[in-house]
């Protein structure tokens, strides 16, 4: 067996496969298919300071090569997460990443402070959610916004801090550099692209929110390009995501510069995808004489 261990911001993961926030909930449903220890880590459902009911339906729409979602960060709130979800998650033998989202810097900072006194292994600062009407996304679309919110949260966060970046920007390299300069320990990218679909029968948007976040295989080339660009601008680790469905996709993302990967939308169509990806990654490494998965990171060859 190849060595699949990776270390991100001082946290060791037993393999580079992380369940992406929003697609895995808090893991209860998926543990019926396999032990959650199969995964290197879980980025939990996005958490806000107070409970959110999310957007009104319809809030999911199928698209060619993926899906649109405008769930709107439905979650029980940070206190309920700490009291009800975290005790169970801490017993599952995998790393726990708390994904936090807010409408104001003060909300982000309060959550970071609360979670810093818990057993979570890392915080993922979600400043890139395109499916809520306020908060989140407006922090992540400018260098100044990214730098400001990251620096503020950094003062309250005692855990490793990973900043999740939006693809809805002009220069992902500049945004990545801004997060690094403000104290981010790692980056995760990309979040969903903003998209829209229209029901031609009633001439209305399919989603009640009008627009939503596009995810799925259609995103993969964009995600790989952006991870490659970010990796050429920063020295901190990158967790790559966006359209990863197979072990081959995961290898591409690692070669582009990611130290680990997150998978999301594929879990809806194939809940056992993590098993196939870990198996395929192991076989690929063995066949190519690669002893450690860390050798793949940034291993793209120039023309």
Protein backbone atom coordinates (compact mmCIF):
# COMPACT_ATOMS: atom_id res chain seq x y z
CA UNK A 1 0.00 0.00 0.00
CA UNK A 2 1.25 3.47 -0.88
CA UNK A 3 1.55 6.13 1.80
CA UNK A 4 -1.53 8.33 1.44
CA UNK A 5 -0.88 10.53 4.47
CA UNK A 6 -0.80 14.28 3.97
CA UNK A 7 -0.19 17.14 6.37
CA UNK A 8 -2.03 20.44 5.97
CA UNK A 9 -1.24 23.33 8.30
CA UNK A 10 0.21 20.94 10.85
CA UNK A 11 -2.78 18.58 10.78
CA UNK A 12 -2.10 15.05 9.51
CA UNK A 13 -4.79 13.38 7.41
CA UNK A 14 -4.61 9.63 6.84
CA UNK A 15 -5.42 10.19 3.17
CA UNK A 16 -6.00 13.27 0.98
CA UNK A 17 -9.74 12.69 0.50
CA UNK A 18 -12.04 15.11 2.33
CA UNK A 19 -15.82 15.29 2.08
CA UNK A 20 -16.78 18.77 0.91
CA UNK A 21 -18.94 21.05 3.01
CA UNK A 22 -22.63 21.07 2.21
CA UNK A 23 -22.72 17.68 0.50
CA UNK A 24 -21.93 15.41 3.43
CA UNK A 25 -24.03 17.03 6.15
CA UNK A 26 -22.52 15.95 9.44
CA UNK A 27 -21.83 12.43 8.17
CA UNK A 28 -24.73 10.51 9.70
CA UNK A 29 -26.26 9.34 6.42
CA UNK A 30 -22.98 8.25 4.85
CA UNK A 31 -21.78 6.18 7.80
CA UNK A 32 -24.44 3.67 6.73
CA UNK A 33 -22.31 2.97 3.62
CA UNK A 34 -18.81 2.83 5.15
CA UNK A 35 -16.94 3.92 8.29
CA UNK A 36 -16.22 7.63 8.16
CA UNK A 37 -12.63 6.75 9.00
CA UNK A 38 -12.37 5.81 5.30
CA UNK A 39 -12.04 9.54 4.67
CA UNK A 40 -9.07 11.69 5.53
CA UNK A 41 -11.48 14.30 6.84
CA UNK A 42 -14.95 15.81 6.74
CA UNK A 43 -15.67 19.46 6.07
CA UNK A 44 -18.98 19.76 7.87
CA UNK A 45 -22.13 21.46 6.65
CA UNK A 46 -21.65 25.22 6.64
CA UNK A 47 -22.37 26.62 10.10
CA UNK A 48 -23.70 30.08 10.94
CA UNK A 49 -23.89 31.84 14.28
CA UNK A 50 -27.63 31.23 14.62
CA UNK A 51 -29.87 28.55 13.13
CA UNK A 52 -30.83 29.07 9.48
CA UNK A 53 -33.76 27.49 7.68
CA UNK A 54 -32.24 28.23 4.28
CA UNK A 55 -33.93 29.40 1.11
CA UNK A 56 -37.48 28.46 0.12
CA UNK A 57 -37.85 25.66 -2.46
CA UNK A 58 -37.24 24.86 -5.22
CA UNK A 59 -33.56 25.08 -4.35
CA UNK A 60 -31.93 22.26 -6.32
CA UNK A 61 -31.83 21.96 -10.12
CA UNK A 62 -30.10 19.49 -12.40
CA UNK A 63 -27.83 20.85 -15.13
CA UNK A 64 -25.75 19.28 -17.90
CA UNK A 65 -22.68 17.94 -16.14
CA UNK A 66 -23.75 18.90 -12.65
CA UNK A 67 -26.30 20.65 -10.48
CA UNK A 68 -27.34 24.05 -9.19
CA UNK A 69 -28.05 24.54 -5.52
CA UNK A 70 -29.45 27.45 -3.56
CA UNK A 71 -30.02 25.69 -0.25
CA UNK A 72 -28.98 28.84 1.54
CA UNK A 73 -26.82 27.44 4.34
CA UNK A 74 -29.57 25.62 6.22
CA UNK A 75 -27.99 24.54 9.52
CA UNK A 76 -28.71 24.32 13.27
CA UNK A 77 -26.27 27.07 14.33
CA UNK A 78 -22.83 26.89 15.91
CA UNK A 79 -23.98 26.14 19.48
CA UNK A 80 -26.14 23.20 18.37
CA UNK A 81 -23.24 21.92 16.25
CA UNK A 82 -20.89 22.00 19.23
CA UNK A 83 -23.38 20.42 21.63
CA UNK A 84 -25.13 17.84 19.43
CA UNK A 85 -22.99 17.01 16.39
CA UNK A 86 -19.40 17.36 17.52
CA UNK A 87 -19.44 14.70 20.28
CA UNK A 88 -20.49 12.06 17.72
CA UNK A 89 -18.18 13.30 14.99
CA UNK A 90 -15.18 13.23 17.33
CA UNK A 91 -15.60 9.45 17.68
CA UNK A 92 -15.55 8.64 13.95
CA UNK A 93 -11.79 8.39 13.45
CA UNK A 94 -11.43 11.17 10.90
CA UNK A 95 -10.37 14.80 10.89
CA UNK A 96 -13.10 17.36 11.48
CA UNK A 97 -13.15 20.67 9.62
CA UNK A 98 -15.73 23.22 10.75
CA UNK A 99 -16.94 25.34 7.84
CA UNK A 100 -18.20 28.73 9.04
CA UNK A 101 -20.19 31.41 7.21
CA UNK A 102 -21.51 34.76 8.35
CA UNK A 103 -23.09 38.06 7.38
CA UNK A 104 -20.64 40.24 9.30
CA UNK A 105 -17.01 39.99 10.45
CA UNK A 106 -18.26 39.94 14.05
CA UNK A 107 -20.28 36.78 13.36
CA UNK A 108 -17.28 35.03 11.82
CA UNK A 109 -15.06 36.05 14.73
CA UNK A 110 -17.53 34.88 17.37
CA UNK A 111 -17.82 31.47 15.72
CA UNK A 112 -14.06 31.16 15.37
CA UNK A 113 -13.65 31.91 19.06
CA UNK A 114 -16.30 29.38 20.09
CA UNK A 115 -14.91 26.63 17.87
CA UNK A 116 -11.33 27.26 18.95
CA UNK A 117 -12.20 25.75 22.32
CA UNK A 118 -13.54 22.52 20.81
CA UNK A 119 -12.00 19.38 19.33
CA UNK A 120 -12.36 20.42 15.68
CA UNK A 121 -9.08 20.06 13.82
CA UNK A 122 -9.39 23.03 11.49
CA UNK A 123 -11.69 25.89 10.52
CA UNK A 124 -12.70 26.54 6.92
CA UNK A 125 -13.62 30.18 6.41
CA UNK A 126 -16.43 30.25 3.87
CA UNK A 127 -16.30 33.67 2.25
CA UNK A 128 -17.49 32.44 -1.12
CA UNK A 129 -21.05 31.15 -0.89
CA UNK A 130 -23.02 32.30 -3.96
CA UNK A 131 -26.46 31.06 -2.93
CA UNK A 132 -27.39 33.42 -0.10
CA UNK A 133 -28.73 36.93 -0.60
CA UNK A 134 -26.39 38.53 1.91
CA UNK A 135 -23.07 37.82 3.54
CA UNK A 136 -20.38 35.37 2.57
CA UNK A 137 -19.76 36.02 -1.08
CA UNK A 138 -19.14 39.76 -0.88
CA UNK A 139 -16.15 39.17 1.39
CA UNK A 140 -14.52 36.88 -1.15
CA UNK A 141 -14.59 38.79 -4.41
CA UNK A 142 -11.93 41.42 -3.78
CA UNK A 143 -8.39 41.29 -2.40
CA UNK A 144 -9.23 43.92 0.19
CA UNK A 145 -12.31 42.02 1.34
CA UNK A 146 -10.47 38.72 1.60
CA UNK A 147 -7.55 40.25 3.43
CA UNK A 148 -9.76 42.10 5.90
CA UNK A 149 -12.03 39.22 6.89
CA UNK A 150 -9.14 36.75 7.09
CA UNK A 151 -7.10 39.06 9.31
CA UNK A 152 -10.05 39.69 11.64
CA UNK A 153 -10.88 35.99 12.04
CA UNK A 154 -7.21 35.11 12.45
CA UNK A 155 -7.12 37.13 15.69
CA UNK A 156 -9.82 34.94 17.23
CA UNK A 157 -8.98 31.58 15.67
CA UNK A 158 -6.67 29.30 17.66
CA UNK A 159 -7.07 26.44 15.18
CA UNK A 160 -5.47 26.11 11.73
CA UNK A 161 -7.40 28.44 9.44
CA UNK A 162 -8.26 27.46 5.86
CA UNK A 163 -9.89 30.08 3.62
CA UNK A 164 -12.35 28.86 0.98
CA UNK A 165 -12.10 30.93 -2.19
CA UNK A 166 -14.69 31.89 -4.77
CA UNK A 167 -14.12 31.26 -8.49
CA UNK A 168 -16.27 34.27 -9.31
CA UNK A 169 -13.27 36.61 -9.44
CA UNK A 170 -11.00 38.13 -12.08
CA UNK A 171 -7.66 36.85 -10.72
CA UNK A 172 -7.67 33.88 -8.34
CA UNK A 173 -3.92 34.22 -7.81
CA UNK A 174 -4.30 37.70 -6.34
CA UNK A 175 -7.15 36.56 -4.09
CA UNK A 176 -5.09 33.58 -2.88
CA UNK A 177 -2.12 35.82 -2.13
CA UNK A 178 -4.36 38.21 -0.18
CA UNK A 179 -5.61 35.39 2.05
CA UNK A 180 -2.07 34.13 2.64
CA UNK A 181 -0.79 37.61 3.54
CA UNK A 182 -3.60 38.03 6.09
CA UNK A 183 -2.69 34.87 7.98
CA UNK A 184 -4.44 31.94 6.29
CA UNK A 185 -2.74 28.62 7.03
CA UNK A 186 -4.25 26.92 3.97
CA UNK A 187 -6.65 27.57 1.09
CA UNK A 188 -9.52 25.54 -0.32
CA UNK A 189 -10.80 26.16 -3.84
CA UNK A 190 -12.93 26.40 -5.77
CA UNK A 191 -16.39 26.99 -4.41
CA UNK A 192 -19.28 26.83 -6.85
CA UNK A 193 -19.70 29.07 -9.90
CA UNK A 194 -22.80 31.25 -9.94
CA UNK A 195 -25.34 29.88 -12.41
CA UNK A 196 -28.98 30.02 -13.41
CA UNK A 197 -31.62 27.94 -15.22
CA UNK A 198 -35.05 28.91 -16.56
CA UNK A 199 -38.20 26.82 -16.82
CA UNK A 200 -39.30 27.50 -20.40
CA UNK A 201 -42.89 26.41 -19.69
CA UNK A 202 -43.63 29.10 -17.12
CA UNK A 203 -40.69 31.37 -18.05
CA UNK A 204 -39.53 31.58 -14.46
CA UNK A 205 -36.17 30.74 -12.92
CA UNK A 206 -36.12 27.13 -11.80
CA UNK A 207 -34.64 28.12 -8.45
CA UNK A 208 -36.70 30.30 -6.11
CA UNK A 209 -33.49 32.18 -5.36
CA UNK A 210 -33.12 32.84 -9.14
CA UNK A 211 -29.41 31.92 -9.11
CA UNK A 212 -27.42 29.24 -7.35
CA UNK A 213 -24.06 27.54 -7.14
CA UNK A 214 -23.03 25.29 -10.02
CA UNK A 215 -21.14 22.15 -8.99
CA UNK A 216 -20.30 18.80 -10.54
CA UNK A 217 -18.07 17.46 -13.34
CA UNK A 218 -18.54 20.55 -15.53
CA UNK A 219 -16.44 22.52 -13.02
CA UNK A 220 -13.36 20.29 -13.13
CA UNK A 221 -11.32 22.10 -15.84
CA UNK A 222 -12.01 25.48 -14.23
CA UNK A 223 -11.08 24.17 -10.78
CA UNK A 224 -7.84 22.60 -11.99
CA UNK A 225 -6.85 25.82 -13.75
CA UNK A 226 -7.55 27.93 -10.67
CA UNK A 227 -5.75 25.59 -8.28
CA UNK A 228 -2.73 25.65 -10.61
CA UNK A 229 -2.80 29.46 -10.72
CA UNK A 230 -3.15 29.77 -6.95
CA UNK A 231 -0.38 27.22 -6.32
CA UNK A 232 1.97 29.37 -8.38
CA UNK A 233 1.25 32.38 -6.16
CA UNK A 234 1.25 31.02 -2.60
CA UNK A 235 3.41 28.80 -0.41
CA UNK A 236 0.65 27.56 1.92
CA UNK A 237 -1.14 24.23 1.22
CA UNK A 238 -4.14 24.11 -1.10
CA UNK A 239 -7.10 21.75 -0.85
CA UNK A 240 -8.53 21.44 -4.36
CA UNK A 241 -12.19 20.85 -5.18
CA UNK A 242 -14.66 21.30 -7.98
CA UNK A 243 -15.99 18.47 -10.14
CA UNK A 244 -13.87 15.63 -8.77
CA UNK A 245 -15.70 12.36 -9.43
CA UNK A 246 -12.97 9.76 -10.01
CA UNK A 247 -9.47 8.90 -8.85
CA UNK A 248 -8.15 10.27 -12.15
CA UNK A 249 -9.75 13.64 -11.37
CA UNK A 250 -8.12 13.56 -7.94
CA UNK A 251 -4.69 12.87 -9.43
CA UNK A 252 -5.12 15.78 -11.85
CA UNK A 253 -5.99 18.10 -8.97
CA UNK A 254 -2.96 16.99 -6.97
CA UNK A 255 -0.65 17.46 -9.95
CA UNK A 256 -2.05 20.97 -10.41
CA UNK A 257 -0.79 21.86 -6.94
CA UNK A 258 -3.29 20.61 -4.37
CA UNK A 259 -2.09 18.82 -1.25
CA UNK A 260 -5.51 17.23 -0.69
CA UNK A 261 -8.90 17.21 -2.40
CA UNK A 262 -12.53 17.63 -1.44
CA UNK A 263 -15.34 15.76 -3.16
CA UNK A 264 -18.96 16.76 -3.07
CA UNK A 265 -21.57 16.51 -5.80
CA UNK A 266 -20.51 13.00 -6.85
CA UNK A 267 -21.66 11.76 -3.45
CA UNK A 268 -25.29 12.33 -4.45
CA UNK A 269 -25.05 9.98 -7.43
CA UNK A 270 -22.47 7.61 -5.96
CA UNK A 271 -22.24 7.67 -2.15
CA UNK A 272 -19.42 5.11 -2.31
CA UNK A 273 -17.21 7.29 -4.51
CA UNK A 274 -14.62 7.75 -1.72
CA UNK A 275 -13.98 4.00 -1.66
CA UNK A 276 -13.33 3.92 -5.42
CA UNK A 277 -11.15 7.04 -5.35
CA UNK A 278 -8.91 5.78 -2.52
CA UNK A 279 -8.58 2.37 -4.22
CA UNK A 280 -7.76 3.91 -7.61
CA UNK A 281 -5.27 6.34 -6.11
CA UNK A 282 -3.48 3.48 -4.36
CA UNK A 283 -3.30 1.42 -7.55
CA UNK A 284 -2.08 4.37 -9.63
CA UNK A 285 0.71 5.10 -7.19
CA UNK A 286 1.77 1.47 -6.96
CA UNK A 287 1.83 1.07 -10.75
CA UNK A 288 3.91 4.24 -11.16
CA UNK A 289 6.36 3.59 -8.34
CA UNK A 290 5.15 6.50 -6.22
CA UNK A 291 5.71 5.81 -2.54
CA UNK A 292 3.98 8.89 -1.06
CA UNK A 293 0.99 10.83 -2.33
CA UNK A 294 2.83 14.04 -1.45
CA UNK A 295 5.07 13.39 -4.48
CA UNK A 296 2.10 14.17 -6.73
CA UNK A 297 1.46 17.67 -5.39
CA UNK A 298 2.51 20.23 -7.99
CA UNK A 299 4.00 17.48 -10.13
CA UNK A 300 2.69 18.85 -13.43
CA UNK A 301 5.41 18.82 -16.12
CA UNK A 302 5.95 21.94 -18.24
CA UNK A 303 5.88 21.81 -22.02
